[in-house]
Full PDB file with SEQRES, HELIX, SHEET, SSBOND, CRYST1, ORIGX, SCALE, CONECT and MASTER records, all heavy atoms in Angstrom:
SEQRES   1 A   34  GLU ASN THR GLY ASP ALA ASP ASP ARG LEU VAL ALA VAL          
SEQRES   2 A   34  ARG SER GLU ALA ALA VAL ARG VAL GLU LEU HIS THR HIS          
SEQRES   3 A   34  ILE ASP GLN GLY GLY GLY VAL MET                              
CRYST1    1.000    1.000    1.000  90.00  90.00  90.00 P 1           1          
ORIGX1      1.000000  0.000000  0.000000        0.00000                         
ORIGX2      0.000000  1.000000  0.000000        0.00000                         
ORIGX3      0.000000  0.000000  1.000000        0.00000                         
SCALE1      1.000000  0.000000  0.000000        0.00000                         
SCALE2      0.000000  1.000000  0.000000        0.00000                         
SCALE3      0.000000  0.000000  1.000000        0.00000                         
ATOM      1  N   GLU A   1     119.883 115.560  92.245  1.00  0.00           N  
ATOM      2  CA  GLU A   1     120.505 116.864  92.471  1.00  0.00           C  
ATOM      3  C   GLU A   1     119.440 117.943  92.511  1.00  0.00           C  
ATOM      4  O   GLU A   1     118.520 117.944  91.699  1.00  0.00           O  
ATOM      5  CB  GLU A   1     121.527 117.156  91.381  1.00  0.00           C  
ATOM      6  CG  GLU A   1     122.290 118.438  91.594  1.00  0.00           C  
ATOM      7  CD  GLU A   1     123.397 118.631  90.587  1.00  0.00           C  
ATOM      8  OE1 GLU A   1     123.499 117.839  89.632  1.00  0.00           O  
ATOM      9  OE2 GLU A   1     124.152 119.614  90.742  1.00  0.00           O  
ATOM     10  N   ASN A   2     119.614 118.871  93.444  1.00  0.00           N  
ATOM     11  CA  ASN A   2     118.706 120.007  93.586  1.00  0.00           C  
ATOM     12  C   ASN A   2     119.516 121.265  93.325  1.00  0.00           C  
ATOM     13  O   ASN A   2     120.298 121.713  94.156  1.00  0.00           O  
ATOM     14  CB  ASN A   2     118.110 120.018  95.008  1.00  0.00           C  
ATOM     15  CG  ASN A   2     117.181 121.184  95.255  1.00  0.00           C  
ATOM     16  OD1 ASN A   2     117.051 122.082  94.423  1.00  0.00           O  
ATOM     17  ND2 ASN A   2     116.552 121.169  96.404  1.00  0.00           N  
ATOM     18  N   THR A   3     119.342 121.864  92.140  1.00  0.00           N  
ATOM     19  CA  THR A   3     120.081 123.067  91.798  1.00  0.00           C  
ATOM     20  C   THR A   3     119.327 124.340  92.210  1.00  0.00           C  
ATOM     21  O   THR A   3     119.808 125.438  91.949  1.00  0.00           O  
ATOM     22  CB  THR A   3     120.366 123.127  90.263  1.00  0.00           C  
ATOM     23  OG1 THR A   3     119.134 123.088  89.557  1.00  0.00           O  
ATOM     24  CG2 THR A   3     121.238 121.966  89.855  1.00  0.00           C  
ATOM     25  N   GLY A   4     118.194 124.163  92.861  1.00  0.00           N  
ATOM     26  CA  GLY A   4     117.415 125.312  93.325  1.00  0.00           C  
ATOM     27  C   GLY A   4     117.962 125.865  94.632  1.00  0.00           C  
ATOM     28  O   GLY A   4     118.961 125.370  95.162  1.00  0.00           O  
ATOM     29  N   ASP A   5     117.280 126.872  95.156  1.00  0.00           N  
ATOM     30  CA  ASP A   5     117.744 127.527  96.375  1.00  0.00           C  
ATOM     31  C   ASP A   5     116.880 127.171  97.593  1.00  0.00           C  
ATOM     32  O   ASP A   5     116.906 127.874  98.606  1.00  0.00           O  
ATOM     33  CB  ASP A   5     117.851 129.026  96.173  1.00  0.00           C  
ATOM     34  CG  ASP A   5     116.558 129.685  95.703  1.00  0.00           C  
ATOM     35  OD1 ASP A   5     115.531 128.950  95.576  1.00  0.00           O  
ATOM     36  OD2 ASP A   5     116.530 130.885  95.475  1.00  0.00           O  
ATOM     37  N   ALA A   6     116.103 126.103  97.491  1.00  0.00           N  
ATOM     38  CA  ALA A   6     115.301 125.624  98.613  1.00  0.00           C  
ATOM     39  C   ALA A   6     115.381 124.110  98.674  1.00  0.00           C  
ATOM     40  O   ALA A   6     115.399 123.429  97.633  1.00  0.00           O  
ATOM     41  CB  ALA A   6     113.853 126.035  98.450  1.00  0.00           C  
ATOM     42  N   ASP A   7     115.427 123.557  99.878  1.00  0.00           N  
ATOM     43  CA  ASP A   7     115.399 122.120 100.043  1.00  0.00           C  
ATOM     44  C   ASP A   7     114.114 121.547  99.454  1.00  0.00           C  
ATOM     45  O   ASP A   7     113.084 122.239  99.405  1.00  0.00           O  
ATOM     46  CB  ASP A   7     115.442 121.725 101.522  1.00  0.00           C  
ATOM     47  CG  ASP A   7     116.763 122.003 102.195  1.00  0.00           C  
ATOM     48  OD1 ASP A   7     117.729 122.411 101.505  1.00  0.00           O  
ATOM     49  OD2 ASP A   7     116.846 121.828 103.425  1.00  0.00           O  
ATOM     50  N   ASP A   8     114.170 120.310  99.024  1.00  0.00           N  
ATOM     51  CA  ASP A   8     112.972 119.592  98.591  1.00  0.00           C  
ATOM     52  C   ASP A   8     113.066 118.213  99.232  1.00  0.00           C  
ATOM     53  O   ASP A   8     114.049 117.906  99.904  1.00  0.00           O  
ATOM     54  CB  ASP A   8     112.911 119.490  97.054  1.00  0.00           C  
ATOM     55  CG  ASP A   8     111.484 119.245  96.539  1.00  0.00           C  
ATOM     56  OD1 ASP A   8     110.606 118.898  97.346  1.00  0.00           O  
ATOM     57  OD2 ASP A   8     111.259 119.418  95.347  1.00  0.00           O  
ATOM     58  N   ARG A   9     112.058 117.414  99.054  1.00  0.00           N  
ATOM     59  CA  ARG A   9     112.034 116.070  99.657  1.00  0.00           C  
ATOM     60  C   ARG A   9     111.417 115.110  98.669  1.00  0.00           C  
ATOM     61  O   ARG A   9     110.331 115.360  98.149  1.00  0.00           O  
ATOM     62  CB  ARG A   9     111.229 116.100 100.966  1.00  0.00           C  
ATOM     63  CG  ARG A   9     111.175 114.785 101.678  1.00  0.00           C  
ATOM     64  CD  ARG A   9     110.359 114.890 102.969  1.00  0.00           C  
ATOM     65  NE  ARG A   9     110.987 115.756 103.930  1.00  0.00           N  
ATOM     66  CZ  ARG A   9     111.873 115.357 104.850  1.00  0.00           C  
ATOM     67  NH1 ARG A   9     112.232 114.097 104.905  1.00  0.00           N  
ATOM     68  NH2 ARG A   9     112.383 116.220 105.701  1.00  0.00           N  
ATOM     69  N   LEU A  10     112.106 113.984  98.425  1.00  0.00           N  
ATOM     70  CA  LEU A  10     111.527 112.899  97.666  1.00  0.00           C  
ATOM     71  C   LEU A  10     110.628 112.154  98.635  1.00  0.00           C  
ATOM     72  O   LEU A  10     111.097 111.577  99.609  1.00  0.00           O  
ATOM     73  CB  LEU A  10     112.644 111.960  97.129  1.00  0.00           C  
ATOM     74  CG  LEU A  10     112.181 110.715  96.394  1.00  0.00           C  
ATOM     75  CD1 LEU A  10     111.389 111.064  95.147  1.00  0.00           C  
ATOM     76  CD2 LEU A  10     113.383 109.844  96.031  1.00  0.00           C  
ATOM     77  N   VAL A  11     109.293 112.206  98.398  1.00  0.00           N  
ATOM     78  CA  VAL A  11     108.342 111.673  99.373  1.00  0.00           C  
ATOM     79  C   VAL A  11     107.721 110.369  98.946  1.00  0.00           C  
ATOM     80  O   VAL A  11     107.159 109.650  99.795  1.00  0.00           O  
ATOM     81  CB  VAL A  11     107.235 112.705  99.690  1.00  0.00           C  
ATOM     82  CG1 VAL A  11     107.824 113.904 100.409  1.00  0.00           C  
ATOM     83  CG2 VAL A  11     106.478 113.120  98.439  1.00  0.00           C  
ATOM     84  N   ALA A  12     107.783 110.016  97.677  1.00  0.00           N  
ATOM     85  CA  ALA A  12     107.188 108.763  97.217  1.00  0.00           C  
ATOM     86  C   ALA A  12     107.752 108.394  95.871  1.00  0.00           C  
ATOM     87  O   ALA A  12     108.399 109.198  95.178  1.00  0.00           O  
ATOM     88  CB  ALA A  12     105.661 108.903  97.115  1.00  0.00           C  
ATOM     89  N   VAL A  13     107.511 107.150  95.505  1.00  0.00           N  
ATOM     90  CA  VAL A  13     107.939 106.644  94.200  1.00  0.00           C  
ATOM     91  C   VAL A  13     106.895 105.629  93.736  1.00  0.00           C  
ATOM     92  O   VAL A  13     106.308 104.919  94.549  1.00  0.00           O  
ATOM     93  CB  VAL A  13     109.368 106.015  94.299  1.00  0.00           C  
ATOM     94  CG1 VAL A  13     109.377 104.832  95.236  1.00  0.00           C  
ATOM     95  CG2 VAL A  13     109.892 105.663  92.960  1.00  0.00           C  
ATOM     96  N   ARG A  14     106.635 105.641  92.441  1.00  0.00           N  
ATOM     97  CA  ARG A  14     105.637 104.718  91.881  1.00  0.00           C  
ATOM     98  C   ARG A  14     106.204 104.078  90.595  1.00  0.00           C  
ATOM     99  O   ARG A  14     106.988 104.692  89.885  1.00  0.00           O  
ATOM    100  CB  ARG A  14     104.362 105.458  91.511  1.00  0.00           C  
ATOM    101  CG  ARG A  14     103.617 106.046  92.693  1.00  0.00           C  
ATOM    102  CD  ARG A  14     102.240 106.552  92.304  1.00  0.00           C  
ATOM    103  NE  ARG A  14     102.261 107.533  91.231  1.00  0.00           N  
ATOM    104  CZ  ARG A  14     102.290 108.857  91.399  1.00  0.00           C  
ATOM    105  NH1 ARG A  14     102.355 109.345  92.623  1.00  0.00           N  
ATOM    106  NH2 ARG A  14     102.285 109.660  90.364  1.00  0.00           N  
ATOM    107  N   SER A  15     105.760 102.849  90.351  1.00  0.00           N  
ATOM    108  CA  SER A  15     106.126 102.157  89.109  1.00  0.00           C  
ATOM    109  C   SER A  15     105.163 101.024  88.902  1.00  0.00           C  
ATOM    110  O   SER A  15     104.747 100.346  89.851  1.00  0.00           O  
ATOM    111  CB  SER A  15     107.557 101.639  89.187  1.00  0.00           C  
ATOM    112  OG  SER A  15     107.890 100.906  88.042  1.00  0.00           O  
ATOM    113  N   GLU A  16     104.850 100.770  87.638  1.00  0.00           N  
ATOM    114  CA  GLU A  16     104.016  99.607  87.279  1.00  0.00           C  
ATOM    115  C   GLU A  16     104.830  98.326  87.248  1.00  0.00           C  
ATOM    116  O   GLU A  16     104.286  97.253  87.023  1.00  0.00           O  
ATOM    117  CB  GLU A  16     103.361  99.845  85.907  1.00  0.00           C  
ATOM    118  CG  GLU A  16     102.349 100.986  85.911  1.00  0.00           C  
ATOM    119  CD  GLU A  16     101.149 100.678  86.800  1.00  0.00           C  
ATOM    120  OE1 GLU A  16     100.671  99.534  86.776  1.00  0.00           O  
ATOM    121  OE2 GLU A  16     100.714 101.614  87.515  1.00  0.00           O  
ATOM    122  N   ALA A  17     106.151  98.422  87.479  1.00  0.00           N  
ATOM    123  CA  ALA A  17     107.031  97.244  87.384  1.00  0.00           C  
ATOM    124  C   ALA A  17     106.862  96.270  88.548  1.00  0.00           C  
ATOM    125  O   ALA A  17     107.284  95.121  88.448  1.00  0.00           O  
ATOM    126  CB  ALA A  17     108.477  97.690  87.290  1.00  0.00           C  
ATOM    127  N   ALA A  18     106.249  96.741  89.659  1.00  0.00           N  
ATOM    128  CA  ALA A  18     106.137  95.888  90.845  1.00  0.00           C  
ATOM    129  C   ALA A  18     104.830  96.149  91.566  1.00  0.00           C  
ATOM    130  O   ALA A  18     104.204  97.196  91.392  1.00  0.00           O  
ATOM    131  CB  ALA A  18     107.312  96.171  91.790  1.00  0.00           C  
ATOM    132  N   VAL A  19     104.459  95.201  92.382  1.00  0.00           N  
ATOM    133  CA  VAL A  19     103.251  95.320  93.192  1.00  0.00           C  
ATOM    134  C   VAL A  19     103.392  96.480  94.192  1.00  0.00           C  
ATOM    135  O   VAL A  19     102.476  97.268  94.364  1.00  0.00           O  
ATOM    136  CB  VAL A  19     102.947  93.996  93.935  1.00  0.00           C  
ATOM    137  CG1 VAL A  19     101.762  94.149  94.882  1.00  0.00           C  
ATOM    138  CG2 VAL A  19     102.707  92.869  92.947  1.00  0.00           C  
ATOM    139  N   ARG A  20     104.561  96.582  94.827  1.00  0.00           N  
ATOM    140  CA  ARG A  20     104.846  97.682  95.771  1.00  0.00           C  
ATOM    141  C   ARG A  20     106.203  98.294  95.424  1.00  0.00           C  
ATOM    142  O   ARG A  20     107.137  97.587  95.120  1.00  0.00           O  
ATOM    143  CB  ARG A  20     104.910  97.179  97.209  1.00  0.00           C  
ATOM    144  CG  ARG A  20     103.548  96.939  97.779  1.00  0.00           C  
ATOM    145  CD  ARG A  20     103.534  96.456  99.220  1.00  0.00           C  
ATOM    146  NE  ARG A  20     104.553  97.010 100.085  1.00  0.00           N  
ATOM    147  CZ  ARG A  20     104.962  96.424 101.206  1.00  0.00           C  
ATOM    148  NH1 ARG A  20     104.423  95.273 101.585  1.00  0.00           N  
ATOM    149  NH2 ARG A  20     105.882  96.963 101.967  1.00  0.00           N  
ATOM    150  N   VAL A  21     106.256  99.615  95.525  1.00  0.00           N  
ATOM    151  CA  VAL A  21     107.509 100.342  95.316  1.00  0.00           C  
ATOM    152  C   VAL A  21     107.638 101.335  96.446  1.00  0.00           C  
ATOM    153  O   VAL A  21     106.731 102.100  96.705  1.00  0.00           O  
ATOM    154  CB  VAL A  21     107.522 101.071  93.947  1.00  0.00           C  
ATOM    155  CG1 VAL A  21     108.877 101.705  93.685  1.00  0.00           C  
ATOM    156  CG2 VAL A  21     107.151 100.119  92.805  1.00  0.00           C  
ATOM    157  N   GLU A  22     108.781 101.285  97.151  1.00  0.00           N  
ATOM    158  CA  GLU A  22     108.966 102.103  98.348  1.00  0.00           C  
ATOM    159  C   GLU A  22     110.354 102.722  98.355  1.00  0.00           C  
ATOM    160  O   GLU A  22     111.285 102.226  97.711  1.00  0.00           O  
ATOM    161  CB  GLU A  22     108.814 101.252  99.606  1.00  0.00           C  
ATOM    162  CG  GLU A  22     107.452 100.632  99.778  1.00  0.00           C  
ATOM    163  CD  GLU A  22     107.348  99.701 100.961  1.00  0.00           C  
ATOM    164  OE1 GLU A  22     108.383  99.320 101.566  1.00  0.00           O  
ATOM    165  OE2 GLU A  22     106.213  99.341 101.312  1.00  0.00           O  
ATOM    166  N   LEU A  23     110.500 103.770  99.148  1.00  0.00           N  
ATOM    167  CA  LEU A  23     111.792 104.353  99.457  1.00  0.00           C  
ATOM    168  C   LEU A  23     112.356 103.586 100.652  1.00  0.00           C  
ATOM    169  O   LEU A  23     111.672 103.459 101.678  1.00  0.00           O  
ATOM    170  CB  LEU A  23     111.657 105.841  99.770  1.00  0.00           C  
ATOM    171  CG  LEU A  23     111.116 106.683  98.632  1.00  0.00           C  
ATOM    172  CD1 LEU A  23     110.797 108.104  99.117  1.00  0.00           C  
ATOM    173  CD2 LEU A  23     112.098 106.709  97.474  1.00  0.00           C  
ATOM    174  N   HIS A  24     113.582 103.074 100.516  1.00  0.00           N  
ATOM    175  CA  HIS A  24     114.180 102.243 101.559  1.00  0.00           C  
ATOM    176  C   HIS A  24     115.559 102.742 101.947  1.00  0.00           C  
ATOM    177  O   HIS A  24     116.211 103.466 101.189  1.00  0.00           O  
ATOM    178  CB  HIS A  24     114.346 100.797 101.075  1.00  0.00           C  
ATOM    179  CG  HIS A  24     113.138  99.949 101.273  1.00  0.00           C  
ATOM    180  ND1 HIS A  24     113.224  98.606 101.489  1.00  0.00           N  
ATOM    181  CD2 HIS A  24     111.828 100.237 101.280  1.00  0.00           C  
ATOM    182  CE1 HIS A  24     112.013  98.098 101.634  1.00  0.00           C  
ATOM    183  NE2 HIS A  24     111.153  99.077 101.510  1.00  0.00           N  
ATOM    184  N   THR A  25     116.007 102.292 103.110  1.00  0.00           N  
ATOM    185  CA  THR A  25     117.376 102.490 103.544  1.00  0.00           C  
ATOM    186  C   THR A  25     117.837 101.226 104.278  1.00  0.00           C  
ATOM    187  O   THR A  25     117.040 100.301 104.499  1.00  0.00           O  
ATOM    188  CB  THR A  25     117.516 103.735 104.452  1.00  0.00           C  
ATOM    189  OG1 THR A  25     118.904 104.082 104.528  1.00  0.00           O  
ATOM    190  CG2 THR A  25     116.951 103.509 105.849  1.00  0.00           C  
ATOM    191  N   HIS A  26     119.105 101.203 104.636  1.00  0.00           N  
ATOM    192  CA  HIS A  26     119.667 100.087 105.407  1.00  0.00           C  
ATOM    193  C   HIS A  26     120.039 100.590 106.790  1.00  0.00           C  
ATOM    194  O   HIS A  26     120.534 101.706 106.951  1.00  0.00           O  
ATOM    195  CB  HIS A  26     120.959  99.566 104.727  1.00  0.00           C  
ATOM    196  CG  HIS A  26     120.697  98.928 103.420  1.00  0.00           C  
ATOM    197  ND1 HIS A  26     120.822  99.595 102.223  1.00  0.00           N  
ATOM    198  CD2 HIS A  26     120.306  97.675 103.092  1.00  0.00           C  
ATOM    199  CE1 HIS A  26     120.538  98.774 101.229  1.00  0.00           C  
ATOM    200  NE2 HIS A  26     120.229  97.614 101.720  1.00  0.00           N  
ATOM    201  N   ILE A  27     119.801  99.739 107.788  1.00  0.00           N  
ATOM    202  CA  ILE A  27     120.175 100.052 109.159  1.00  0.00           C  
ATOM    203  C   ILE A  27     121.114  98.974 109.643  1.00  0.00           C  
ATOM    204  O   ILE A  27     120.799  97.788 109.535  1.00  0.00           O  
ATOM    205  CB  ILE A  27     118.922 100.127 110.065  1.00  0.00           C  
ATOM    206  CG1 ILE A  27     117.996 101.250 109.580  1.00  0.00           C  
ATOM    207  CG2 ILE A  27     119.317 100.328 111.518  1.00  0.00           C  
ATOM    208  CD1 ILE A  27     116.658 101.296 110.285  1.00  0.00           C  
ATOM    209  N   ASP A  28     122.253  99.359 110.165  1.00  0.00           N  
ATOM    210  CA  ASP A  28     123.254  98.437 110.663  1.00  0.00           C  
ATOM    211  C   ASP A  28     122.767  97.850 111.991  1.00  0.00           C  
ATOM    212  O   ASP A  28     122.551  98.583 112.949  1.00  0.00           O  
ATOM    213  CB  ASP A  28     124.592  99.165 110.877  1.00  0.00           C  
ATOM    214  CG  ASP A  28     125.718  98.226 111.231  1.00  0.00           C  
ATOM    215  OD1 ASP A  28     125.479  97.036 111.532  1.00  0.00           O  
ATOM    216  OD2 ASP A  28     126.876  98.693 111.197  1.00  0.00           O  
ATOM    217  N   GLN A  29     122.568  96.532 112.015  1.00  0.00           N  
ATOM    218  CA  GLN A  29     122.112  95.861 113.233  1.00  0.00           C  
ATOM    219  C   GLN A  29     123.272  95.272 114.029  1.00  0.00           C  
ATOM    220  O   GLN A  29     123.054  94.589 115.009  1.00  0.00           O  
ATOM    221  CB  GLN A  29     121.100  94.766 112.870  1.00  0.00           C  
ATOM    222  CG  GLN A  29     119.819  95.314 112.310  1.00  0.00           C  
ATOM    223  CD  GLN A  29     118.762  94.267 112.199  1.00  0.00           C  
ATOM    224  OE1 GLN A  29     118.931  93.266 111.511  1.00  0.00           O  
ATOM    225  NE2 GLN A  29     117.644  94.494 112.888  1.00  0.00           N  
ATOM    226  N   GLY A  30     124.477  95.523 113.568  1.00  0.00           N  
ATOM    227  CA  GLY A  30     125.654  94.994 114.246  1.00  0.00           C  
ATOM    228  C   GLY A  30     125.948  93.574 113.753  1.00  0.00           C  
ATOM    229  O   GLY A  30     125.112  92.898 113.145  1.00  0.00           O  
ATOM    230  N   GLY A  31     127.153  93.148 114.004  1.00  0.00           N  
ATOM    231  CA  GLY A  31     127.546  91.790 113.620  1.00  0.00           C  
ATOM    232  C   GLY A  31     127.571  91.589 112.116  1.00  0.00           C  
ATOM    233  O   GLY A  31     127.429  90.473 111.644  1.00  0.00           O  
ATOM    234  N   GLY A  32     127.698  92.662 111.360  1.00  0.00           N  
ATOM    235  CA  GLY A  32     127.742  92.534 109.892  1.00  0.00           C  
ATOM    236  C   GLY A  32     126.388  92.331 109.238  1.00  0.00           C  
ATOM    237  O   GLY A  32     126.309  92.010 108.066  1.00  0.00           O  
ATOM    238  N   VAL A  33     125.304  92.515 110.008  1.00  0.00           N  
ATOM    239  CA  VAL A  33     123.966  92.332 109.455  1.00  0.00           C  
ATOM    240  C   VAL A  33     123.300  93.707 109.259  1.00  0.00           C  
ATOM    241  O   VAL A  33     123.297  94.554 110.156  1.00  0.00           O  
ATOM    242  CB  VAL A  33     123.079  91.467 110.393  1.00  0.00           C  
ATOM    243  CG1 VAL A  33     121.651  91.381 109.870  1.00  0.00           C  
ATOM    244  CG2 VAL A  33     123.680  90.081 110.537  1.00  0.00           C  
ATOM    245  N   MET A  34     122.764  93.904 108.067  1.00  0.00           N  
ATOM    246  CA  MET A  34     122.056  95.131 107.734  1.00  0.00           C  
ATOM    247  C   MET A  34     120.571  94.804 107.560  1.00  0.00           C  
ATOM    248  O   MET A  34     120.227  93.767 106.998  1.00  0.00           O  
ATOM    249  CB  MET A  34     122.586  95.742 106.432  1.00  0.00           C  
ATOM    250  CG  MET A  34     124.060  96.094 106.476  1.00  0.00           C  
ATOM    251  SD  MET A  34     124.438  97.473 107.540  1.00  0.00           S  
ATOM    252  CE  MET A  34     123.893  98.816 106.529  1.00  0.00           C  
TER     253      MET A  34                                                      
MASTER        0    0    0    0    0    0    0    6  252    1    0    3          
END                                                                             
């Protein structure tokens, strides 16, 4: 949540829990496959 009066952007994420940590989304490829 952004309670400020200007947009912001989540640009990266880091964690020691994994070798790589990224921001991801899902794209519908049709036929029930994401």
